Every structure is written in C-alpha cells, then in structure tokens.
C-alpha cells in the first residue's frame, strides 16, 4: 500500500489493516485496496474526544473515499482531569460515559422517520480505554439553520424521547456536576480575576457575575426539579453541529456525537439545540428568544399528554445545569486578543445572560 499522509497532529493511523477494513466497508468492495490517503485534522477536543480527523483518498482502481475518524478516550486521559477534586475524581472517571457513542452505534435504537445515524464502517479498540470510530463523512447542506429547521429538529428530538422512556437516576448529570462543574467551572466563575480579565470585563453586564453565582447556589434545587419529571433517553448533545443536514437528502438529520446514555428529564435535549450555534458565535443573542419559543413549542407537540409547562421546566432546569457555567468561554482567555475573539466573548456574554434570566424565572413559573 502506497500511503501519503498530511495535516494531522492529533491523529495517528493505527494500522493499515484497520484502515483497509474501513475503506472496504466505505466503498462497498471487500477486495478494495488503498492507493493513497490524506489526513485533515478537524481540531476538535472534548472530555471524551481525543481527536477528530477527516481521512480521504483513493483505492487502487481510482475510487475516491472519505471518512471521519473519531478517537474516544476515558476521562482519565483528559488533560485537565487533575482539576477535578481528588475526593470525587475516581468516581467521576468511572461514571463518565466516554464510550456512549460507540455503544449506541454497535446497538442502534429505532429512530423517528427523518432521523438517522451515520454509517459506521469500523469500531476499533485501541486498548487502554480508547476507541476509534471510522464513520461516514456526511456532506452537509450549507447555511440551513433557519427557524423552520430548528422547529423540525426539536420535533424529532421530542419524538425520539417519547419513543424511549427511561427510569432511574441520570448518572451522567451527577458525574458532570460532581466533577467538571464543581471542580473546574464554578470555581472559575467564583474567581474575581476571571471577571477582571479584559475579554470578560469588556462584555459582561454588571450583574452577570452575581446572577451566575446565585444560580450556582441553586444547583441542588434544579437537580431536585429535574428528578421529579418524566424521564426519557434522548440524544444527549443535540447541538445543530451534531444534527447534520445531509446534502443527499437521505434524511432530515444525521445525528452524531451521542454522548448521554442515561435517562434524562423531559426537555433535556433542547438546551444544546438552543446553545450550539450561540456557542460558536453564529446565532446572535438577539435571536435566542424566538428560537427558544419555537423549539419549546415544537418539542412539546411530541408529548400531547403532558403540559407544556412541564417541558419548559425540564428544559430550563437542564439548560442551567448543563450550560450556564460554560456560556462564557473561559477556556479561550489565553488566546490572542483580536476583534473576532472580542465579538465572540460579547455574543457568549449575551448567551450567559439569556440562560441566567431563564434560570431566575424557573421558580416564578407554574
């Protein structure tokens, strides 16, 4: 096999046999061989994601192919795991569902019409609590997230949840709160130096710090709220970036990056649907209210037997618990101060204010 590589610091191709197996599945030819390949880093990392790369090339008969290779890892390999308090670190690592996406692909659930999974060519065990997923490279429709698209995504997420009722404790939420939230995110927000940083001080309204910390003091209250609501198994990280709109029309959405295998409260998936493009600085904070109302109404249509108020409660409480602490991008404080970065911080401050105001209103509705 004549191979050529380019462009990835994050990924190492683990072996020609694994790649050959994945390519053969991709092109649908059990005898295909690889003439050349290229690796393009997609520069993405998260608690459970070590690297994300696009690997493409041609077979010896000239057939082009392209795949996305996602490397998953146990939270114990997360570079910042030392920031999680030592008293809960081992239990947090044990509870964190790092391989949830792989397990779902290996045993896929029935999905509502209009929603599908990416094609999975290979799930490769790398050892030492690491996996590599060789996945379909979905070609997307560009600039497609208008209000109608948000509504349709919310309705399908509601149908997904309604088809998968669940019982028991949301272990993922508790691990997240006991680990990164308690050990990293909230302590950062309590640090006066964070709020004095020029990127933060220039965009945060005078009451944002107090309001966020007031929500932090209510974490136990919000947990109690979500634990009283009906529970379902949804997507877990339903950001628009994880609901790909395929250009080939094979589905309305291709759902990737499933990350939460636990039963979650009614409305849980709406939080990431709202926040995803705002996190990226694409959705303007001024547009958050109309998107919020649209996705709430569309999701609730999948639960005609439940009150919209219950959907709102689960959605807002989960949104606060999951996203309030990371609305401001503190992980970017070390980057070069540019106009683009300042604009992103301003938009993220608007997102933080919107989440805070929803969270403050939780106790006044109903």
Protein backbone atom coordinates (compact mmCIF):
# COMPACT_ATOMS: atom_id res chain seq x y z
CA UNK A 1 0.00 0.00 0.00
CA UNK A 2 1.46 3.35 -1.09
CA UNK A 3 0.34 5.85 1.57
CA UNK A 4 0.75 9.58 1.84
CA UNK A 5 -0.25 11.50 4.95
CA UNK A 6 -0.75 15.19 5.60
CA UNK A 7 -2.09 17.64 8.09
CA UNK A 8 -2.85 15.89 11.39
CA UNK A 9 -1.07 16.34 14.69
CA UNK A 10 -3.97 14.84 16.63
CA UNK A 11 -4.38 11.50 14.92
CA UNK A 12 -2.10 8.61 14.14
CA UNK A 13 -3.33 5.99 11.71
CA UNK A 14 -3.29 2.90 13.87
CA UNK A 15 -2.59 0.31 11.21
CA UNK A 16 -3.04 -0.44 7.55
CA UNK A 17 -5.30 -3.42 8.26
CA UNK A 18 -7.79 -1.29 10.20
CA UNK A 19 -7.83 1.39 7.54
CA UNK A 20 -8.19 -1.15 4.76
CA UNK A 21 -11.14 -2.77 6.55
CA UNK A 22 -12.85 0.60 7.00
CA UNK A 23 -12.21 1.66 3.39
CA UNK A 24 -13.62 -1.59 2.07
CA UNK A 25 -16.78 -1.02 4.08
CA UNK A 26 -16.93 2.59 2.89
CA UNK A 27 -16.70 1.82 -0.84
CA UNK A 28 -18.65 -1.44 -0.60
CA UNK A 29 -15.89 -3.57 -2.11
CA UNK A 30 -14.41 -6.36 0.06
CA UNK A 31 -11.33 -6.53 -2.19
CA UNK A 32 -10.52 -2.82 -2.40
CA UNK A 33 -7.04 -1.63 -1.53
CA UNK A 34 -5.69 1.84 -0.77
CA UNK A 35 -3.53 3.72 -3.24
CA UNK A 36 -3.15 6.91 -1.17
CA UNK A 37 -4.68 8.77 1.73
CA UNK A 38 -4.69 12.19 3.33
CA UNK A 39 -5.45 13.19 6.94
CA UNK A 40 -7.05 16.53 7.78
CA UNK A 41 -7.37 17.48 11.43
CA UNK A 42 -10.79 18.87 12.33
CA UNK A 43 -9.29 20.41 15.50
CA UNK A 44 -11.89 19.25 17.99
CA UNK A 45 -11.45 18.01 21.54
CA UNK A 46 -13.81 17.36 24.43
CA UNK A 47 -13.87 15.36 27.64
CA UNK A 48 -14.33 12.08 25.76
CA UNK A 49 -12.95 13.07 22.34
CA UNK A 50 -9.21 12.83 21.85
CA UNK A 51 -9.18 13.83 18.18
CA UNK A 52 -11.38 14.18 15.12
CA UNK A 53 -9.98 13.83 11.63
CA UNK A 54 -11.13 13.50 8.05
CA UNK A 55 -9.27 10.71 6.24
CA UNK A 56 -9.72 10.55 2.49
CA UNK A 57 -8.03 9.03 -0.53
CA UNK A 58 -8.39 6.72 -3.47
CA UNK A 59 -8.39 2.98 -3.95
CA UNK A 60 -6.07 1.30 -6.42
CA UNK A 61 -8.84 1.28 -9.03
CA UNK A 62 -9.31 5.06 -8.66
CA UNK A 63 -12.43 5.06 -6.44
CA UNK A 64 -12.44 8.09 -4.09
CA UNK A 65 -13.37 7.63 -0.45
CA UNK A 66 -13.64 9.80 2.64
CA UNK A 67 -14.32 9.03 6.30
CA UNK A 68 -14.32 10.78 9.65
CA UNK A 69 -12.20 9.12 12.32
CA UNK A 70 -13.11 9.98 15.89
CA UNK A 71 -10.92 8.82 18.74
CA UNK A 72 -12.69 8.38 22.08
CA UNK A 73 -10.98 8.14 25.44
CA UNK A 74 -11.77 7.56 29.07
CA UNK A 75 -11.99 10.74 31.10
CA UNK A 76 -8.83 9.62 32.89
CA UNK A 77 -6.95 10.59 29.71
CA UNK A 78 -8.46 14.11 29.70
CA UNK A 79 -5.53 16.54 30.11
CA UNK A 80 -7.39 18.60 32.73
CA UNK A 81 -8.66 15.68 34.80
CA UNK A 82 -6.37 16.79 37.64
CA UNK A 83 -8.67 19.80 38.11
CA UNK A 84 -11.49 17.53 39.25
CA UNK A 85 -11.40 17.37 43.08
CA UNK A 86 -9.38 14.36 44.18
CA UNK A 87 -12.13 13.23 46.56
CA UNK A 88 -14.51 12.57 43.64
CA UNK A 89 -12.05 12.10 40.78
CA UNK A 90 -12.03 8.32 40.59
CA UNK A 91 -15.80 8.03 40.85
CA UNK A 92 -16.28 10.78 38.26
CA UNK A 93 -13.98 8.98 35.83
CA UNK A 94 -15.79 5.71 36.45
CA UNK A 95 -19.22 7.25 35.84
CA UNK A 96 -18.35 9.39 32.84
CA UNK A 97 -19.90 7.75 29.73
CA UNK A 98 -16.91 8.13 27.42
CA UNK A 99 -17.86 5.24 25.13
CA UNK A 100 -21.57 6.01 24.89
CA UNK A 101 -21.44 6.92 21.21
CA UNK A 102 -19.66 3.70 20.25
CA UNK A 103 -22.08 1.58 22.27
CA UNK A 104 -25.06 3.22 20.58
CA UNK A 105 -23.62 2.61 17.11
CA UNK A 106 -23.00 -1.03 18.00
CA UNK A 107 -26.61 -1.45 19.21
CA UNK A 108 -28.59 1.25 17.41
CA UNK A 109 -32.06 2.23 18.61
CA UNK A 110 -35.10 2.71 16.41
CA UNK A 111 -35.25 6.34 15.34
CA UNK A 112 -38.18 8.50 14.23
CA UNK A 113 -38.60 8.96 10.50
CA UNK A 114 -36.36 11.78 9.31
CA UNK A 115 -33.52 10.99 11.72
CA UNK A 116 -30.72 8.54 11.03
CA UNK A 117 -27.28 7.58 12.29
CA UNK A 118 -24.09 7.99 10.28
CA UNK A 119 -22.85 4.85 8.58
CA UNK A 120 -20.33 3.12 10.82
CA UNK A 121 -17.51 1.39 8.98
CA UNK A 122 -15.43 0.22 11.92
CA UNK A 123 -15.28 0.47 15.71
CA UNK A 124 -11.66 -0.12 16.61
CA UNK A 125 -10.49 -0.97 20.15
CA UNK A 126 -7.18 0.82 20.67
CA UNK A 127 -6.64 -0.53 24.18
CA UNK A 128 -6.15 1.40 27.42
CA UNK A 129 -9.77 2.66 27.39
CA UNK A 130 -9.53 4.21 23.94
CA UNK A 131 -11.59 3.59 20.81
CA UNK A 132 -11.53 4.80 17.21
CA UNK A 133 -14.77 5.23 15.26
CA UNK A 134 -14.48 5.13 11.46
CA UNK A 135 -17.62 6.93 10.29
CA UNK A 136 -19.42 8.23 7.24
CA UNK A 137 -18.22 11.63 6.11
CA UNK A 138 -21.61 13.32 5.76
CA UNK A 139 -21.72 16.09 3.18
CA UNK A 140 -23.94 18.82 4.58
CA UNK A 141 -26.28 21.47 3.26
CA UNK A 142 -24.71 24.86 3.98
CA UNK A 143 -26.36 27.67 5.98
CA UNK A 144 -29.58 25.77 6.56
CA UNK A 145 -30.49 26.59 10.16
CA UNK A 146 -33.49 28.85 9.81
CA UNK A 147 -36.37 28.84 12.28
CA UNK A 148 -38.16 26.07 10.41
CA UNK A 149 -35.11 23.84 10.69
CA UNK A 150 -34.95 24.47 14.44
CA UNK A 151 -38.63 23.56 14.77
CA UNK A 152 -38.21 20.32 12.82
CA UNK A 153 -35.15 19.33 14.82
CA UNK A 154 -36.97 19.97 18.10
CA UNK A 155 -40.00 17.97 16.97
CA UNK A 156 -37.82 14.98 16.02
CA UNK A 157 -35.92 15.20 19.32
CA UNK A 158 -39.27 15.14 21.08
CA UNK A 159 -40.36 12.10 19.07
CA UNK A 160 -37.04 10.42 19.85
CA UNK A 161 -37.51 10.97 23.58
CA UNK A 162 -41.17 9.93 23.52
CA UNK A 163 -40.20 6.63 21.87
CA UNK A 164 -37.56 5.84 24.51
CA UNK A 165 -38.95 6.25 28.06
CA UNK A 166 -36.43 5.61 30.79
CA UNK A 167 -36.21 5.11 34.52
CA UNK A 168 -33.58 5.68 37.13
CA UNK A 169 -31.00 8.28 38.05
CA UNK A 170 -29.27 10.44 35.47
CA UNK A 171 -25.77 9.29 36.40
CA UNK A 172 -24.25 11.41 33.65
CA UNK A 173 -25.68 14.62 35.06
CA UNK A 174 -24.47 13.81 38.56
CA UNK A 175 -20.99 12.90 37.30
CA UNK A 176 -20.84 16.14 35.32
CA UNK A 177 -21.96 18.24 38.29
CA UNK A 178 -19.76 16.46 40.83
CA UNK A 179 -16.73 16.58 38.54
CA UNK A 180 -16.12 19.36 35.98
CA UNK A 181 -18.84 21.72 37.23
CA UNK A 182 -17.91 21.57 40.90
CA UNK A 183 -14.18 21.18 40.35
CA UNK A 184 -13.50 23.47 37.39
CA UNK A 185 -16.34 25.59 36.03
CA UNK A 186 -17.96 27.12 39.11
CA UNK A 187 -14.61 27.80 40.84
CA UNK A 188 -13.57 29.70 37.71
CA UNK A 189 -16.72 31.81 37.93
CA UNK A 190 -16.04 32.49 41.62
CA UNK A 191 -12.55 33.79 40.84
CA UNK A 192 -12.55 37.63 40.82
CA UNK A 193 -9.60 37.54 38.44
CA UNK A 194 -11.77 35.90 35.78
CA UNK A 195 -14.16 38.84 35.79
CA UNK A 196 -11.31 41.36 35.69
CA UNK A 197 -9.85 39.83 32.55
CA UNK A 198 -10.18 42.40 29.72
CA UNK A 199 -12.08 40.00 27.45
CA UNK A 200 -14.67 39.36 30.16
CA UNK A 201 -14.81 42.81 31.77
CA UNK A 202 -15.48 44.43 28.40
CA UNK A 203 -18.63 42.39 27.68
CA UNK A 204 -20.20 41.16 30.92
CA UNK A 205 -23.02 43.24 32.30
CA UNK A 206 -22.51 44.44 35.90
CA UNK A 207 -24.84 41.85 37.45
CA UNK A 208 -23.84 38.79 35.43
CA UNK A 209 -21.30 37.53 37.95
CA UNK A 210 -23.73 37.81 40.87
CA UNK A 211 -26.55 36.22 38.90
CA UNK A 212 -24.45 33.28 37.72
CA UNK A 213 -23.16 32.61 41.21
CA UNK A 214 -26.70 32.83 42.56
CA UNK A 215 -27.63 30.06 40.13
CA UNK A 216 -24.62 28.07 41.29
CA UNK A 217 -26.03 28.21 44.81
CA UNK A 218 -29.27 26.68 43.48
CA UNK A 219 -27.77 23.61 41.79
CA UNK A 220 -29.33 21.21 44.28
CA UNK A 221 -32.72 22.86 43.73
CA UNK A 222 -32.50 22.42 39.96
CA UNK A 223 -31.39 18.80 40.35
CA UNK A 224 -34.43 18.13 42.52
CA UNK A 225 -36.66 19.70 39.88
CA UNK A 226 -35.40 17.54 37.01
CA UNK A 227 -35.52 14.38 39.10
CA UNK A 228 -39.26 14.84 39.67
CA UNK A 229 -40.06 15.00 35.94
CA UNK A 230 -40.74 12.14 33.49
CA UNK A 231 -37.53 10.62 32.14
CA UNK A 232 -36.52 9.64 28.63
CA UNK A 233 -33.46 8.59 26.66
CA UNK A 234 -32.62 11.19 24.06
CA UNK A 235 -29.57 12.26 22.13
CA UNK A 236 -27.61 13.94 24.92
CA UNK A 237 -25.74 16.56 22.92
CA UNK A 238 -28.25 17.72 20.30
CA UNK A 239 -26.40 20.80 19.11
CA UNK A 240 -27.05 21.73 15.46
CA UNK A 241 -23.43 20.75 14.78
CA UNK A 242 -24.40 17.21 15.79
CA UNK A 243 -27.58 17.19 13.71
CA UNK A 244 -26.11 17.21 10.22
CA UNK A 245 -28.40 18.07 7.30
CA UNK A 246 -27.24 15.71 4.54
CA UNK A 247 -26.93 17.10 1.05
CA UNK A 248 -28.04 13.78 -0.47
CA UNK A 249 -31.50 14.05 1.10
CA UNK A 250 -31.16 10.65 2.79
CA UNK A 251 -32.72 12.06 5.99
CA UNK A 252 -33.66 15.36 7.52
CA UNK A 253 -30.83 14.97 10.02
CA UNK A 254 -27.91 12.64 10.58
CA UNK A 255 -27.42 12.53 14.35
CA UNK A 256 -23.81 12.18 15.50
CA UNK A 257 -21.91 12.51 18.79
CA UNK A 258 -24.41 10.70 21.02
CA UNK A 259 -22.99 11.24 24.46
CA UNK A 260 -25.56 10.70 27.22
CA UNK A 261 -26.77 7.09 27.66
CA UNK A 262 -28.72 7.86 30.83
CA UNK A 263 -32.41 8.65 31.33
CA UNK A 264 -32.75 12.43 31.27
CA UNK A 265 -35.53 14.83 32.16
CA UNK A 266 -38.22 15.88 29.74
CA UNK A 267 -36.84 18.64 27.52
CA UNK A 268 -33.18 17.90 28.18
CA UNK A 269 -32.12 17.90 24.51
CA UNK A 270 -33.49 21.39 23.88
CA UNK A 271 -30.67 23.02 25.83
CA UNK A 272 -27.92 22.04 23.43
CA UNK A 273 -30.18 22.70 20.45
CA UNK A 274 -30.53 26.28 21.67
CA UNK A 275 -26.91 26.80 22.70
CA UNK A 276 -24.95 25.09 19.94
CA UNK A 277 -24.79 27.82 17.31
CA UNK A 278 -24.68 30.52 20.00
CA UNK A 279 -21.59 28.84 21.45
CA UNK A 280 -19.98 29.04 18.03
CA UNK A 281 -20.89 32.72 17.73
CA UNK A 282 -23.15 32.05 14.75
CA UNK A 283 -26.52 32.63 16.41
CA UNK A 284 -26.87 36.20 17.62
CA UNK A 285 -28.06 36.57 21.23
CA UNK A 286 -30.92 38.78 19.98
CA UNK A 287 -32.31 35.72 18.17
CA UNK A 288 -32.26 33.43 21.21
CA UNK A 289 -35.80 34.28 22.44
CA UNK A 290 -37.54 33.41 19.18
CA UNK A 291 -35.52 30.18 18.79
CA UNK A 292 -36.26 29.31 22.40
CA UNK A 293 -40.02 29.68 21.97
CA UNK A 294 -40.04 27.84 18.65
CA UNK A 295 -38.16 24.75 19.84
CA UNK A 296 -40.14 24.56 23.07
CA UNK A 297 -43.45 24.50 21.20
CA UNK A 298 -42.25 22.01 18.57
CA UNK A 299 -40.78 19.58 21.12
CA UNK A 300 -43.94 19.72 23.24
CA UNK A 301 -46.01 18.58 20.23
CA UNK A 302 -44.49 15.12 20.66
CA UNK A 303 -45.99 14.92 24.19
CA UNK A 304 -49.69 15.77 23.77
CA UNK A 305 -50.48 14.21 27.14
CA UNK A 306 -48.10 16.46 29.07
CA UNK A 307 -48.30 20.14 29.90
CA UNK A 308 -46.02 22.50 28.02
CA UNK A 309 -45.11 23.88 31.44
CA UNK A 310 -43.52 20.54 32.35
CA UNK A 311 -41.48 20.57 29.14
CA UNK A 312 -40.41 24.16 29.89
CA UNK A 313 -39.36 23.23 33.43
CA UNK A 314 -37.25 20.25 32.38
CA UNK A 315 -35.72 22.17 29.51
CA UNK A 316 -34.77 25.24 31.55
CA UNK A 317 -33.53 23.39 34.63
CA UNK A 318 -31.40 21.07 32.45
CA UNK A 319 -30.14 24.04 30.42
CA UNK A 320 -28.92 25.78 33.57
CA UNK A 321 -27.28 22.66 34.98
CA UNK A 322 -25.60 21.77 31.70
CA UNK A 323 -24.69 25.10 30.10
CA UNK A 324 -24.81 28.11 32.44
CA UNK A 325 -21.27 27.57 33.73
CA UNK A 326 -19.66 27.34 30.29
CA UNK A 327 -21.63 30.05 28.48
CA UNK A 328 -18.65 32.38 28.86
CA UNK A 329 -15.67 30.78 27.03
CA UNK A 330 -13.13 30.88 29.84
CA UNK A 331 -11.04 28.24 28.03
CA UNK A 332 -10.22 30.92 25.40
CA UNK A 333 -8.79 33.50 27.77
CA UNK A 334 -5.25 32.60 26.80
CA UNK A 335 -5.81 33.22 23.10
CA UNK A 336 -4.59 36.29 21.25
CA UNK A 337 -6.90 39.26 21.82
CA UNK A 338 -8.45 40.01 18.43
CA UNK A 339 -11.62 41.79 17.30
CA UNK A 340 -13.10 38.42 16.33
CA UNK A 341 -12.42 36.98 19.78
CA UNK A 342 -13.93 40.03 21.46
CA UNK A 343 -17.01 39.67 19.30
CA UNK A 344 -17.32 36.02 20.32
CA UNK A 345 -17.00 36.93 24.01
CA UNK A 346 -19.71 39.57 23.59
CA UNK A 347 -22.06 37.04 21.99
CA UNK A 348 -21.30 34.44 24.65
CA UNK A 349 -21.99 37.02 27.35
CA UNK A 350 -25.39 37.52 25.72
CA UNK A 351 -25.95 33.76 25.84
CA UNK A 352 -24.97 33.68 29.51
CA UNK A 353 -27.42 36.48 30.30
CA UNK A 354 -30.23 34.67 28.46
CA UNK A 355 -29.61 31.42 30.35
CA UNK A 356 -29.36 33.26 33.65
CA UNK A 357 -32.66 35.05 33.11
CA UNK A 358 -34.40 31.77 32.22
CA UNK A 359 -32.95 30.14 35.32
CA UNK A 360 -34.01 33.01 37.57
CA UNK A 361 -37.54 32.71 36.26
CA UNK A 362 -37.80 28.99 37.00
CA UNK A 363 -39.17 29.44 40.49
CA UNK A 364 -41.74 32.03 39.35
CA UNK A 365 -43.50 29.91 36.72
CA UNK A 366 -46.15 27.33 37.49
